[in-house]
N, C-alpha and C. Protein backbone atom coordinates (compact mmCIF):
# COMPACT_ATOMS: atom_id res chain seq x y z
N MET A 1 75.72 60.86 56.85
CA MET A 1 75.44 60.12 57.86
C MET A 1 74.40 60.92 57.83
N PRO A 2 72.82 60.43 58.42
CA PRO A 2 71.63 60.35 58.22
C PRO A 2 71.53 61.22 59.33
N ASN A 3 70.25 62.40 58.89
CA ASN A 3 69.91 63.41 60.57
C ASN A 3 68.58 62.64 61.40
N SER A 4 69.32 62.72 62.18
CA SER A 4 68.40 61.80 63.30
C SER A 4 67.99 62.45 64.49
N LYS A 5 67.41 64.56 63.95
CA LYS A 5 67.27 65.16 64.86
C LYS A 5 65.38 64.70 64.87
N LYS A 6 65.21 65.24 66.29
CA LYS A 6 62.97 64.80 65.64
C LYS A 6 62.82 65.84 65.96
N PRO A 7 61.73 66.16 65.43
CA PRO A 7 60.74 67.18 64.92
C PRO A 7 61.00 68.63 66.25
N ASP A 8 60.34 69.53 65.87
CA ASP A 8 60.58 70.01 67.22
C ASP A 8 59.47 71.17 67.16
N PHE A 9 58.64 70.47 68.13
CA PHE A 9 56.94 70.67 68.15
C PHE A 9 56.64 72.05 69.14
N SER A 10 58.09 71.79 70.69
CA SER A 10 57.75 73.09 70.52
C SER A 10 57.98 74.63 70.29
N ARG A 11 58.68 74.58 68.87
CA ARG A 11 59.40 75.54 68.78
C ARG A 11 57.52 75.67 67.34
N ALA A 12 57.51 74.98 67.01
CA ALA A 12 56.13 75.01 66.09
C ALA A 12 55.11 75.61 67.00
N TYR A 13 54.58 75.30 68.11
CA TYR A 13 54.05 75.59 68.69
C TYR A 13 54.02 76.79 69.03
N SER A 14 54.78 77.70 69.54
CA SER A 14 55.04 78.79 70.24
C SER A 14 55.19 79.98 69.17
N LYS A 15 55.88 79.03 67.71
CA LYS A 15 55.69 80.06 66.66
C LYS A 15 54.30 80.28 66.55
N ALA A 16 53.50 78.92 66.51
CA ALA A 16 51.86 79.18 65.79
C ALA A 16 51.17 80.22 66.80
N ASN A 17 51.52 79.93 67.92
CA ASN A 17 50.49 80.74 69.14
C ASN A 17 51.25 82.19 69.12
N GLU A 18 52.65 82.41 68.75
CA GLU A 18 52.90 83.95 69.07
C GLU A 18 52.00 84.60 67.76
N ILE A 19 51.74 83.91 66.97
CA ILE A 19 51.02 84.59 65.36
C ILE A 19 49.86 84.82 66.01
N LEU A 20 48.86 83.48 66.82
CA LEU A 20 47.62 83.62 67.27
C LEU A 20 47.16 85.03 67.76
N VAL A 21 48.39 85.13 68.58
CA VAL A 21 48.09 86.52 70.00
C VAL A 21 47.88 87.97 68.71
N LYS A 22 49.05 87.81 68.12
CA LYS A 22 49.98 89.22 67.73
C LYS A 22 48.95 89.66 66.43
N SER A 23 48.33 88.19 65.33
CA SER A 23 47.98 88.79 63.89
C SER A 23 46.51 89.75 64.46
N SER A 24 47.29 90.46 63.09
CA SER A 24 45.15 91.06 63.10
C SER A 24 44.79 90.66 61.97
N ALA A 25 45.15 89.26 60.84
CA ALA A 25 44.64 88.60 59.87
C ALA A 25 43.48 87.43 60.68
N ILE A 26 44.08 86.97 61.79
CA ILE A 26 43.93 86.16 62.41
C ILE A 26 42.47 86.81 63.58
N GLN A 27 41.21 86.92 63.63
CA GLN A 27 40.17 87.34 64.68
C GLN A 27 39.53 86.53 65.02
N THR A 28 38.79 85.79 63.91
CA THR A 28 38.12 84.24 64.37
C THR A 28 38.30 83.40 63.75
N PHE A 29 37.48 82.37 63.55
CA PHE A 29 37.90 81.25 63.12
C PHE A 29 36.23 80.76 62.13
N PRO A 30 36.70 80.22 61.06
CA PRO A 30 37.42 79.68 60.45
C PRO A 30 38.32 81.50 59.99
N PHE A 31 39.60 81.56 59.48
CA PHE A 31 40.37 82.62 58.92
C PHE A 31 40.73 82.46 57.13
N SER A 32 41.50 83.24 56.88
CA SER A 32 42.04 83.51 55.15
C SER A 32 43.61 82.85 55.48
N PRO A 33 43.65 82.04 55.25
CA PRO A 33 44.90 81.32 55.26
C PRO A 33 45.84 82.72 54.23
N LYS A 34 45.11 82.94 52.78
CA LYS A 34 46.34 83.55 51.91
C LYS A 34 46.37 85.05 52.63
N ASP A 35 45.54 85.75 53.76
CA ASP A 35 45.34 87.08 54.23
C ASP A 35 46.68 86.73 55.23
N LEU A 36 46.28 85.56 55.91
CA LEU A 36 47.61 85.48 57.49
C LEU A 36 49.36 85.65 56.25
N VAL A 37 49.70 84.86 55.26
CA VAL A 37 50.09 84.42 54.58
C VAL A 37 51.26 86.72 54.24
N LYS A 38 50.40 86.82 53.44
CA LYS A 38 50.32 88.55 53.28
C LYS A 38 50.48 89.00 53.86
N GLU A 39 50.27 88.59 55.74
CA GLU A 39 50.43 90.02 56.80
C GLU A 39 51.65 89.64 57.24
N GLN A 40 52.17 87.92 57.28
CA GLN A 40 53.54 87.20 57.76
C GLN A 40 54.67 87.66 56.85
N THR A 41 54.56 87.59 55.26
CA THR A 41 56.00 87.55 55.00
C THR A 41 55.58 88.66 53.44
N PRO A 42 56.09 88.33 52.69
CA PRO A 42 56.11 88.56 51.40
C PRO A 42 56.00 87.77 50.28
N ILE A 43 55.68 86.48 50.74
CA ILE A 43 55.49 85.06 49.28
C ILE A 43 53.72 85.63 49.55
N VAL A 44 54.02 84.90 47.84
CA VAL A 44 52.16 85.59 47.32
C VAL A 44 51.72 84.01 47.01
N CYS A 45 50.90 83.71 47.31
CA CYS A 45 49.77 82.26 47.29
C CYS A 45 49.35 82.91 45.81
N ARG A 46 49.54 81.27 45.35
CA ARG A 46 48.65 81.21 43.36
C ARG A 46 48.46 80.28 43.00
N SER A 47 47.46 79.85 42.08
CA SER A 47 47.32 78.71 42.14
C SER A 47 47.37 77.43 41.01
N PHE A 48 47.38 76.37 40.86
CA PHE A 48 48.02 75.50 40.27
C PHE A 48 47.38 76.36 38.72
N LYS A 49 46.82 76.35 38.55
CA LYS A 49 46.25 77.34 37.07
C LYS A 49 47.39 78.40 37.02
N LYS A 50 46.67 79.32 37.74
CA LYS A 50 48.28 80.51 37.84
C LYS A 50 49.83 79.72 37.63
N ALA A 51 49.58 78.85 37.62
CA ALA A 51 51.66 78.24 38.25
C ALA A 51 51.91 77.74 36.20
N ARG A 52 50.65 77.89 35.78
CA ARG A 52 51.05 77.26 34.16
C ARG A 52 50.98 78.34 33.41
N LYS A 53 50.70 79.35 33.74
CA LYS A 53 50.74 80.67 32.75
C LYS A 53 51.74 81.12 32.80
N TYR A 54 52.42 80.57 34.24
CA TYR A 54 54.30 81.22 34.84
C TYR A 54 55.26 80.33 33.79
N GLY A 55 54.57 79.61 33.38
CA GLY A 55 55.43 78.31 33.07
C GLY A 55 56.13 77.14 33.42
N VAL A 56 55.56 77.26 35.07
CA VAL A 56 56.01 76.41 36.19
C VAL A 56 55.15 74.75 35.66
N ASP A 57 55.91 73.90 35.48
CA ASP A 57 55.44 72.51 35.78
C ASP A 57 55.28 72.15 37.13
N ILE A 58 54.07 72.23 36.78
CA ILE A 58 52.86 71.79 38.16
C ILE A 58 53.53 70.09 38.76
N THR A 59 53.25 69.24 37.40
CA THR A 59 53.74 67.63 37.46
C THR A 59 55.39 67.41 37.99
N ALA A 60 56.72 68.63 38.55
CA ALA A 60 57.24 68.31 38.94
C ALA A 60 57.21 68.60 40.72
N PHE A 61 56.42 69.54 41.11
CA PHE A 61 56.18 69.72 42.08
C PHE A 61 56.39 68.60 43.11
N GLY A 62 56.09 67.21 43.07
CA GLY A 62 56.27 66.15 43.59
C GLY A 62 54.53 66.19 45.13
N SER A 63 53.96 67.01 44.73
CA SER A 63 52.71 67.23 45.88
C SER A 63 51.09 67.88 45.01
N GLU A 64 50.44 66.82 45.79
CA GLU A 64 49.23 66.95 45.21
C GLU A 64 48.59 68.50 45.26
N SER A 65 48.73 68.83 46.93
CA SER A 65 48.43 69.75 46.96
C SER A 65 48.43 71.23 47.21
N ALA A 66 49.92 71.79 47.47
CA ALA A 66 50.49 72.65 47.64
C ALA A 66 52.07 72.43 47.88
N ILE A 67 52.92 73.45 47.29
CA ILE A 67 54.04 73.65 47.29
C ILE A 67 54.61 75.14 47.67
N ILE A 68 55.78 75.44 48.27
CA ILE A 68 56.54 77.12 48.86
C ILE A 68 57.59 76.59 47.75
N MET A 69 57.92 77.61 46.96
CA MET A 69 59.36 78.05 45.85
C MET A 69 59.13 79.04 45.83
N SER A 70 60.81 78.81 45.10
CA SER A 70 61.49 80.08 44.58
C SER A 70 60.95 80.87 43.38
N PHE A 71 60.46 81.51 42.92
CA PHE A 71 60.38 81.83 40.95
C PHE A 71 60.50 83.88 40.83
N GLN A 72 61.67 83.40 39.62
CA GLN A 72 61.94 84.87 39.59
C GLN A 72 62.23 85.38 40.42
N GLY A 73 62.74 85.48 41.30
CA GLY A 73 63.71 86.08 42.84
C GLY A 73 62.13 85.92 43.81
N LYS A 74 61.43 85.60 43.70
CA LYS A 74 60.51 85.97 44.90
C LYS A 74 59.89 84.22 45.38
N LYS A 75 59.40 84.14 46.64
CA LYS A 75 58.66 83.25 47.17
C LYS A 75 56.95 82.77 46.77
N ILE A 76 57.14 81.69 46.15
CA ILE A 76 55.64 81.55 45.92
C ILE A 76 54.85 80.20 46.58
N ILE A 77 53.77 80.31 47.15
CA ILE A 77 52.85 78.98 47.26
C ILE A 77 51.66 78.62 46.50
N PHE A 78 51.98 77.86 45.43
CA PHE A 78 51.67 77.02 44.71
C PHE A 78 50.55 76.18 45.41
N TYR A 79 48.90 76.15 44.96
CA TYR A 79 48.05 76.18 45.14
C TYR A 79 47.22 75.22 44.73
N ASP A 80 46.56 73.82 45.33
CA ASP A 80 45.52 72.97 44.03
C ASP A 80 44.34 74.25 44.32
N GLU A 81 43.57 75.11 43.11
CA GLU A 81 42.32 75.26 43.31
C GLU A 81 41.17 74.61 42.96
N THR A 82 41.47 73.45 42.56
CA THR A 82 40.48 72.38 42.54
C THR A 82 40.24 71.61 43.75
N LYS A 83 40.65 71.45 44.46
CA LYS A 83 40.47 70.85 46.41
C LYS A 83 39.64 72.50 47.10
N PRO A 84 39.00 71.31 47.42
CA PRO A 84 38.27 71.93 48.67
C PRO A 84 38.52 73.31 50.03
N ASP A 85 38.01 74.39 50.12
CA ASP A 85 38.57 75.32 50.65
C ASP A 85 39.18 74.85 52.58
N THR A 86 38.34 73.87 52.80
CA THR A 86 38.68 72.72 54.08
C THR A 86 40.21 72.56 53.89
N HIS A 87 40.73 72.15 52.83
CA HIS A 87 41.84 71.08 52.14
C HIS A 87 43.28 72.54 51.83
N ASN A 88 42.88 73.81 51.23
CA ASN A 88 43.45 74.07 50.93
C ASN A 88 44.01 75.20 52.51
N ARG A 89 42.78 75.43 53.29
CA ARG A 89 43.13 76.01 54.17
C ARG A 89 44.64 75.29 54.87
N PHE A 90 44.87 74.14 55.42
CA PHE A 90 45.88 73.52 55.64
C PHE A 90 47.00 73.21 55.36
N SER A 91 46.95 73.11 53.42
CA SER A 91 47.87 73.21 52.78
C SER A 91 48.66 74.34 52.76
N ILE A 92 48.10 75.66 52.52
CA ILE A 92 48.48 76.45 52.79
C ILE A 92 49.82 77.37 53.64
N LEU A 93 48.53 76.65 54.87
CA LEU A 93 49.52 77.49 56.08
C LEU A 93 50.72 75.73 56.39
N HIS A 94 50.49 74.75 56.48
CA HIS A 94 51.33 74.46 56.21
C HIS A 94 52.64 74.92 55.32
N GLU A 95 52.59 75.29 54.42
CA GLU A 95 53.72 75.50 53.19
C GLU A 95 54.30 76.67 54.12
N LEU A 96 53.49 77.80 54.49
CA LEU A 96 53.77 78.70 55.49
C LEU A 96 54.68 78.55 56.85
N GLY A 97 54.02 77.63 57.40
CA GLY A 97 55.17 76.82 58.36
C GLY A 97 56.91 76.74 57.81
N HIS A 98 56.85 76.34 56.93
CA HIS A 98 58.31 75.93 56.90
C HIS A 98 58.77 77.47 57.06
N GLU A 99 58.29 78.65 56.00
CA GLU A 99 58.98 79.46 56.17
C GLU A 99 58.94 79.98 57.72
N ILE A 100 58.78 80.44 58.20
CA ILE A 100 58.16 80.86 59.62
C ILE A 100 58.92 80.24 60.54
N ASN A 101 59.37 78.74 60.24
CA ASN A 101 60.02 78.20 61.21
C ASN A 101 61.52 78.11 60.84
N GLY A 102 61.36 78.28 59.51
CA GLY A 102 62.95 78.49 58.94
C GLY A 102 64.11 76.99 58.40
N HIS A 103 62.62 76.86 57.52
CA HIS A 103 63.24 75.47 57.08
C HIS A 103 63.60 75.91 55.63
N ASP A 104 65.06 74.85 55.38
CA ASP A 104 65.52 74.81 54.05
C ASP A 104 65.43 73.67 53.17
N ILE A 105 63.82 74.00 53.01
CA ILE A 105 63.78 73.12 51.79
C ILE A 105 64.25 72.62 50.50
N SER A 106 65.39 73.24 51.02
CA SER A 106 66.73 72.15 49.37
C SER A 106 67.16 71.24 49.86
N LYS A 107 67.02 71.06 51.38
CA LYS A 107 67.40 69.63 51.99
C LYS A 107 66.59 68.16 51.29
N LYS A 108 67.15 67.61 50.51
CA LYS A 108 66.47 66.78 50.21
C LYS A 108 66.47 65.50 50.81
N ASP A 109 67.51 65.07 51.88
CA ASP A 109 67.55 64.17 52.61
C ASP A 109 66.22 63.24 53.40
N GLU A 110 66.01 62.26 53.27
CA GLU A 110 64.05 61.30 53.89
C GLU A 110 64.14 61.89 55.17
N ASP A 111 65.04 62.00 55.90
CA ASP A 111 64.83 62.35 57.73
C ASP A 111 64.93 63.93 58.38
N THR A 112 65.41 65.27 57.06
CA THR A 112 64.61 66.06 57.00
C THR A 112 63.63 66.48 56.79
N TYR A 113 63.32 65.87 55.95
CA TYR A 113 62.08 65.78 54.54
C TYR A 113 60.70 65.61 55.48
N HIS A 114 60.99 64.66 56.51
CA HIS A 114 59.85 63.80 57.30
C HIS A 114 60.15 64.80 58.44
N ARG A 115 61.18 65.05 58.65
CA ARG A 115 61.01 66.19 60.52
C ARG A 115 60.00 67.72 59.70
N TYR A 116 60.89 68.30 58.77
CA TYR A 116 59.98 69.31 58.91
C TYR A 116 58.24 69.46 57.81
N GLU A 117 58.10 68.04 57.72
CA GLU A 117 56.35 67.86 57.62
C GLU A 117 55.75 68.16 59.02
N VAL A 118 56.41 66.63 59.69
CA VAL A 118 55.64 66.89 60.75
C VAL A 118 55.69 68.25 61.40
N GLU A 119 56.53 68.33 61.53
CA GLU A 119 56.91 70.19 61.72
C GLU A 119 55.71 71.39 61.93
N THR A 120 55.71 71.67 60.24
CA THR A 120 54.60 71.83 59.62
C THR A 120 52.89 71.54 59.46
N ASN A 121 53.17 70.70 60.02
CA ASN A 121 51.87 69.97 60.48
C ASN A 121 51.13 70.49 61.48
N TYR A 122 52.05 70.15 62.66
CA TYR A 122 51.77 70.36 63.36
C TYR A 122 51.48 72.07 63.81
N PHE A 123 52.32 72.83 63.38
CA PHE A 123 52.48 74.66 63.36
C PHE A 123 50.66 74.76 62.46
N ALA A 124 50.43 74.32 61.50
CA ALA A 124 49.01 74.34 60.90
C ALA A 124 47.86 74.35 61.67
N ALA A 125 48.35 73.08 62.24
CA ALA A 125 47.33 72.88 63.15
C ALA A 125 46.81 73.25 64.83
N GLN A 126 47.70 73.90 64.35
CA GLN A 126 47.17 74.48 66.12
C GLN A 126 47.04 75.90 65.60
N LEU A 127 47.41 76.72 64.54
CA LEU A 127 46.50 77.65 64.14
C LEU A 127 45.40 77.68 63.49
N LEU A 128 44.49 76.40 63.12
CA LEU A 128 43.61 76.37 62.66
C LEU A 128 43.05 75.84 63.98
N MET A 129 43.10 75.02 65.09
CA MET A 129 42.35 74.90 65.86
C MET A 129 43.25 75.01 66.81
N PRO A 130 43.49 75.92 67.90
CA PRO A 130 44.56 76.21 68.59
C PRO A 130 44.11 75.25 70.14
N GLU A 131 44.93 74.88 70.52
CA GLU A 131 44.92 73.65 71.68
C GLU A 131 44.26 74.28 72.90
N GLN A 132 44.51 75.33 73.09
CA GLN A 132 43.78 76.47 73.88
C GLN A 132 42.70 76.66 73.94
N ILE A 133 42.05 76.55 72.79
CA ILE A 133 40.24 77.13 72.26
C ILE A 133 39.59 75.37 72.60
N LEU A 134 40.64 74.82 72.61
CA LEU A 134 39.96 73.85 72.28
C LEU A 134 39.65 72.76 73.67
N ARG A 135 40.67 72.89 74.68
CA ARG A 135 40.57 72.48 76.05
C ARG A 135 39.93 73.83 76.64
N GLU A 136 39.60 74.81 76.47
CA GLU A 136 38.43 75.47 77.20
C GLU A 136 36.86 74.97 76.71
N CYS A 137 36.99 74.40 75.53
CA CYS A 137 35.58 73.76 75.41
C CYS A 137 35.17 73.03 75.72
N GLN A 138 36.28 72.10 75.82
CA GLN A 138 36.06 71.15 76.61
C GLN A 138 35.81 71.01 78.14
N ASN A 139 36.52 71.75 78.98
CA ASN A 139 36.12 72.40 80.44
C ASN A 139 34.27 72.85 80.06
N ARG A 140 34.29 73.07 79.48
CA ARG A 140 32.81 73.55 79.30
C ARG A 140 31.76 72.78 79.19
N GLY A 141 32.35 71.18 78.81
CA GLY A 141 31.46 70.56 78.33
C GLY A 141 31.25 70.13 76.94
N ALA A 142 31.76 70.99 76.14
CA ALA A 142 32.30 70.32 74.64
C ALA A 142 32.46 68.99 74.82
N ARG A 143 32.05 68.49 73.54
CA ARG A 143 32.43 67.27 73.08
C ARG A 143 33.62 67.30 71.92
N ILE A 144 34.42 67.37 72.00
CA ILE A 144 35.58 67.74 70.76
C ILE A 144 35.08 66.11 69.45
N ASN A 145 35.00 66.48 68.40
CA ASN A 145 34.41 64.97 67.98
C ASN A 145 34.95 65.70 66.10
N ARG A 146 34.68 65.06 65.57
CA ARG A 146 34.71 66.23 64.15
C ARG A 146 34.22 66.75 63.21
N PHE A 147 32.69 66.48 63.85
CA PHE A 147 31.85 66.90 63.31
C PHE A 147 31.46 68.82 64.38
N PHE A 148 32.36 68.84 65.36
CA PHE A 148 32.82 69.76 66.44
C PHE A 148 34.02 70.95 65.20
N LEU A 149 34.66 69.83 65.08
CA LEU A 149 35.74 70.60 64.45
C LEU A 149 35.24 71.46 63.05
N GLN A 150 34.97 70.62 62.64
CA GLN A 150 34.50 70.90 60.94
C GLN A 150 33.08 72.11 60.77
N THR A 151 32.90 71.85 62.07
CA THR A 151 31.71 72.98 61.76
C THR A 151 31.98 74.19 62.62
N ASN A 152 32.95 74.13 63.24
CA ASN A 152 33.47 75.41 63.86
C ASN A 152 34.61 76.37 63.76
N PHE A 153 35.96 75.32 62.86
CA PHE A 153 36.98 75.58 62.73
C PHE A 153 37.52 75.89 61.01
N GLY A 154 36.46 74.56 60.28
CA GLY A 154 36.39 75.29 58.80
C GLY A 154 37.16 74.36 58.35
N VAL A 155 37.54 73.25 58.78
CA VAL A 155 38.21 72.25 58.11
C VAL A 155 38.04 70.84 57.96
N SER A 156 38.75 69.60 57.61
CA SER A 156 38.68 68.73 56.99
C SER A 156 38.56 67.63 57.99
N ALA A 157 37.71 66.85 57.33
CA ALA A 157 37.51 65.43 58.23
C ALA A 157 39.10 64.73 58.64
N GLN A 158 40.10 65.15 57.93
CA GLN A 158 40.65 64.19 58.02
C GLN A 158 42.04 65.01 58.72
N ALA A 159 42.34 66.59 58.85
CA ALA A 159 42.64 67.63 60.33
C ALA A 159 41.54 66.96 60.95
N ALA A 160 40.75 66.96 61.10
CA ALA A 160 39.94 66.91 62.49
C ALA A 160 40.49 66.11 63.10
N ASP A 161 40.05 65.41 62.37
CA ASP A 161 40.30 63.71 62.89
C ASP A 161 42.42 63.25 63.43
N LYS A 162 42.99 63.91 63.04
CA LYS A 162 44.14 63.85 63.34
C LYS A 162 44.65 65.02 64.37
N ARG A 163 43.59 66.39 64.72
CA ARG A 163 43.89 67.05 65.78
C ARG A 163 43.23 65.87 67.48
N ILE A 164 42.35 65.50 67.08
CA ILE A 164 41.41 64.78 68.45
C ILE A 164 42.82 63.73 68.81
N GLU A 165 43.08 63.09 67.55
CA GLU A 165 44.27 62.03 68.15
C GLU A 165 45.30 62.56 68.79
N THR A 166 46.13 63.95 68.63
CA THR A 166 47.13 64.33 68.78
C THR A 166 46.82 65.38 70.13
N LEU A 167 45.57 66.01 70.33
CA LEU A 167 45.01 66.48 71.22
C LEU A 167 45.01 65.14 72.79
N ALA A 168 44.67 64.10 72.31
CA ALA A 168 44.27 62.89 73.18
C ALA A 168 46.15 62.38 73.64
N ARG A 169 46.96 63.18 73.05
CA ARG A 169 48.54 62.18 72.92
C ARG A 169 49.09 63.30 73.92
N THR A 170 48.94 64.17 74.02
CA THR A 170 49.42 65.66 74.28
C THR A 170 48.81 65.62 76.12
N ASN A 171 49.46 65.90 77.16
CA ASN A 171 49.59 66.61 78.21
C ASN A 171 49.94 67.97 78.53
N VAL A 172 48.78 68.58 79.09
CA VAL A 172 49.36 70.36 78.85
C VAL A 172 50.17 70.15 79.62
N GLU A 173 50.15 69.52 81.13
CA GLU A 173 50.92 69.46 82.81
C GLU A 173 52.52 69.88 82.01
N TRP A 174 52.53 69.16 81.16
CA TRP A 174 53.87 68.66 80.56
C TRP A 174 54.69 69.97 79.84
N ARG A 175 53.49 71.07 79.28
CA ARG A 175 54.12 72.16 78.44
C ARG A 175 55.37 73.19 79.36
N SER A 176 56.01 73.70 78.64
CA SER A 176 57.13 74.05 79.37
C SER A 176 56.48 76.08 79.92
N ARG A 177 56.31 76.59 80.79
CA ARG A 177 56.59 78.07 81.00
C ARG A 177 56.71 78.92 79.63
N ALA A 178 56.93 78.43 78.79
CA ALA A 178 57.56 79.19 77.43
C ALA A 178 56.32 78.63 76.48
N GLU A 179 55.61 77.58 76.33
CA GLU A 179 55.07 77.17 75.62
C GLU A 179 53.30 77.98 76.33
N LYS A 180 53.17 77.86 78.02
CA LYS A 180 51.95 78.15 78.35
C LYS A 180 52.26 79.61 78.59
N GLU A 181 53.02 80.94 77.52
CA GLU A 181 53.53 82.18 77.79
C GLU A 181 51.78 83.02 77.19
N PHE A 182 51.35 82.23 75.92
CA PHE A 182 49.71 82.84 75.98
C PHE A 182 48.64 81.87 76.06
N ASP A 183 48.88 81.40 76.42
CA ASP A 183 47.42 81.14 76.99
C ASP A 183 46.53 81.71 77.21
N ASP A 184 47.05 82.55 77.84
CA ASP A 184 45.49 83.03 78.23
C ASP A 184 45.23 84.73 77.75
N ILE A 185 45.95 84.96 76.62
CA ILE A 185 45.90 86.03 75.81
C ILE A 185 45.25 85.41 74.57
N ILE A 186 45.48 83.81 73.96
CA ILE A 186 44.86 83.34 73.31
C ILE A 186 43.03 83.17 73.36
N LEU A 187 42.96 83.28 74.89
CA LEU A 187 41.71 82.76 75.32
C LEU A 187 40.40 84.48 75.41
N ILE A 188 41.11 84.89 75.76
CA ILE A 188 41.18 86.65 75.88
C ILE A 188 40.86 87.30 74.36
N LYS A 189 41.61 86.96 73.80
CA LYS A 189 41.68 87.75 72.44
C LYS A 189 40.23 87.23 71.33
N TYR A 190 40.46 85.49 71.25
CA TYR A 190 39.08 84.88 70.87
C TYR A 190 38.08 84.52 71.52
N ALA A 191 37.41 85.17 73.01
CA ALA A 191 36.56 85.14 73.70
C ALA A 191 34.98 85.34 72.93
N ASP A 192 34.60 86.30 72.04
CA ASP A 192 33.70 85.83 71.51
C ASP A 192 33.53 84.52 70.53
N PHE A 193 34.66 84.98 69.45
CA PHE A 193 34.07 83.19 69.05
C PHE A 193 34.58 82.23 70.09
N LEU A 194 34.84 81.92 71.37
CA LEU A 194 34.53 80.81 72.06
C LEU A 194 33.14 80.78 72.33
N ASN A 195 32.57 82.11 73.61
CA ASN A 195 31.65 82.50 73.73
C ASN A 195 30.18 82.02 72.65
N ARG A 196 30.44 82.25 71.23
CA ARG A 196 29.88 81.62 70.51
C ARG A 196 30.08 80.24 69.98
N ILE A 197 30.51 79.39 70.36
CA ILE A 197 30.67 78.31 69.82
C ILE A 197 30.32 77.35 71.06
N CYS A 198 30.89 77.59 72.17
CA CYS A 198 30.64 76.88 73.44
C CYS A 198 30.14 77.83 74.52
N PRO A 199 29.25 78.88 74.89
CA PRO A 199 29.15 79.38 75.93
C PRO A 199 28.88 78.59 76.98
N VAL A 200 29.56 79.43 78.23
CA VAL A 200 29.36 79.16 79.57
C VAL A 200 27.85 78.92 80.46
N ARG A 201 28.03 77.72 80.45
CA ARG A 201 26.92 77.16 81.28
C ARG A 201 26.67 77.64 82.74
N ASN A 202 25.53 78.35 82.97
CA ASN A 202 24.88 78.43 84.21
C ASN A 202 24.85 77.32 85.17
N THR A 203 25.72 77.31 86.32
CA THR A 203 25.96 76.14 87.13
C THR A 203 25.54 76.49 88.36
N TYR A 204 24.49 75.93 88.89
CA TYR A 204 23.05 75.82 90.24
C TYR A 204 23.78 75.44 91.25
N ASP A 205 24.50 76.30 92.16
CA ASP A 205 24.85 75.60 93.41
C ASP A 205 24.41 75.86 94.64
N PHE A 206 24.35 74.70 95.01
CA PHE A 206 22.78 74.16 95.96
C PHE A 206 23.16 74.80 97.12
N GLU A 207 24.40 74.85 97.44
CA GLU A 207 25.08 75.34 99.05
C GLU A 207 25.10 76.73 99.22
N ASP A 208 25.23 77.35 97.62
CA ASP A 208 24.85 78.29 98.11
C ASP A 208 23.84 79.46 97.77
N GLU A 209 22.81 78.74 97.91
CA GLU A 209 21.47 79.07 97.44
C GLU A 209 21.21 78.41 99.11
N TYR A 210 21.36 77.38 99.50
CA TYR A 210 20.75 77.11 100.73
C TYR A 210 21.17 78.85 101.60
N ILE A 211 22.45 78.94 101.76
CA ILE A 211 23.50 79.56 102.66
C ILE A 211 22.30 81.47 102.06
N ARG A 212 21.94 81.43 100.89
CA ARG A 212 21.39 82.60 101.08
C ARG A 212 20.00 82.91 101.21
N GLN A 213 19.22 81.13 101.66
CA GLN A 213 18.02 81.57 101.24
C GLN A 213 17.79 81.74 103.17
N GLN A 214 18.64 80.79 103.95
CA GLN A 214 19.41 81.50 105.39
C GLN A 214 19.14 81.90 105.47
N GLU A 215 19.62 82.94 105.02
CA GLU A 215 20.35 84.74 104.93
C GLU A 215 18.81 85.07 105.35
N ARG A 216 17.67 84.92 103.87
CA ARG A 216 16.87 85.95 103.49
C ARG A 216 15.55 85.14 105.14
N ASN A 217 15.72 83.93 105.48
CA ASN A 217 15.03 83.91 106.91
C ASN A 217 15.10 84.72 107.66
N SER A 218 16.78 84.83 108.14
CA SER A 218 16.94 85.50 109.36
C SER A 218 16.44 86.64 109.37
N CYS A 219 15.64 87.41 108.21
CA CYS A 219 15.67 89.17 108.28
C CYS A 219 14.20 89.16 108.90
N PHE A 220 13.24 87.57 108.75
CA PHE A 220 12.25 87.94 108.92
C PHE A 220 11.95 88.01 110.83
């Protein structure tokens, strides 16, 4: 019987949020995914070129970007070093997502594979482009487009476009209390980054100024 479980977006989102709050490897954006993998797990990252030296047949990976696999008793994320850094950041974090979300990657049925891929894509996107920061930028008047995401978060055009599409479909009011648990902490932790890419605009309140002027006039 095929596995019909739906992707657990809530778990992937919450796992990413917890890392965003607690990780020392993430202090700003873009950050090093290899440093994060090293901090969070015993997994090592190696290039496809190194895979050949290990005698691993990369043509059998079934992936053009990256893959996590066990080799000689340890887990390794192999990635394609010929790809741009923007591509590899997402690919490595995608593979990390399998580990963090407890995926049994030995399962081969199509439904489970698809669910795992969707969950890890969601996880990686939240780490690279946190929803809380993007919505705060939007509140400050920033236009969240491909250029904004590529320039400030170091992601590919494809990842940027997908993130915009996902956020357009997401209603923050539907988030559970558990999903919102780290929202304020994330904004506080990354305040310097946030203020650098999207400074708070000074607003001029004419009503307040009118009241202050009336008070000044009353002194004469």
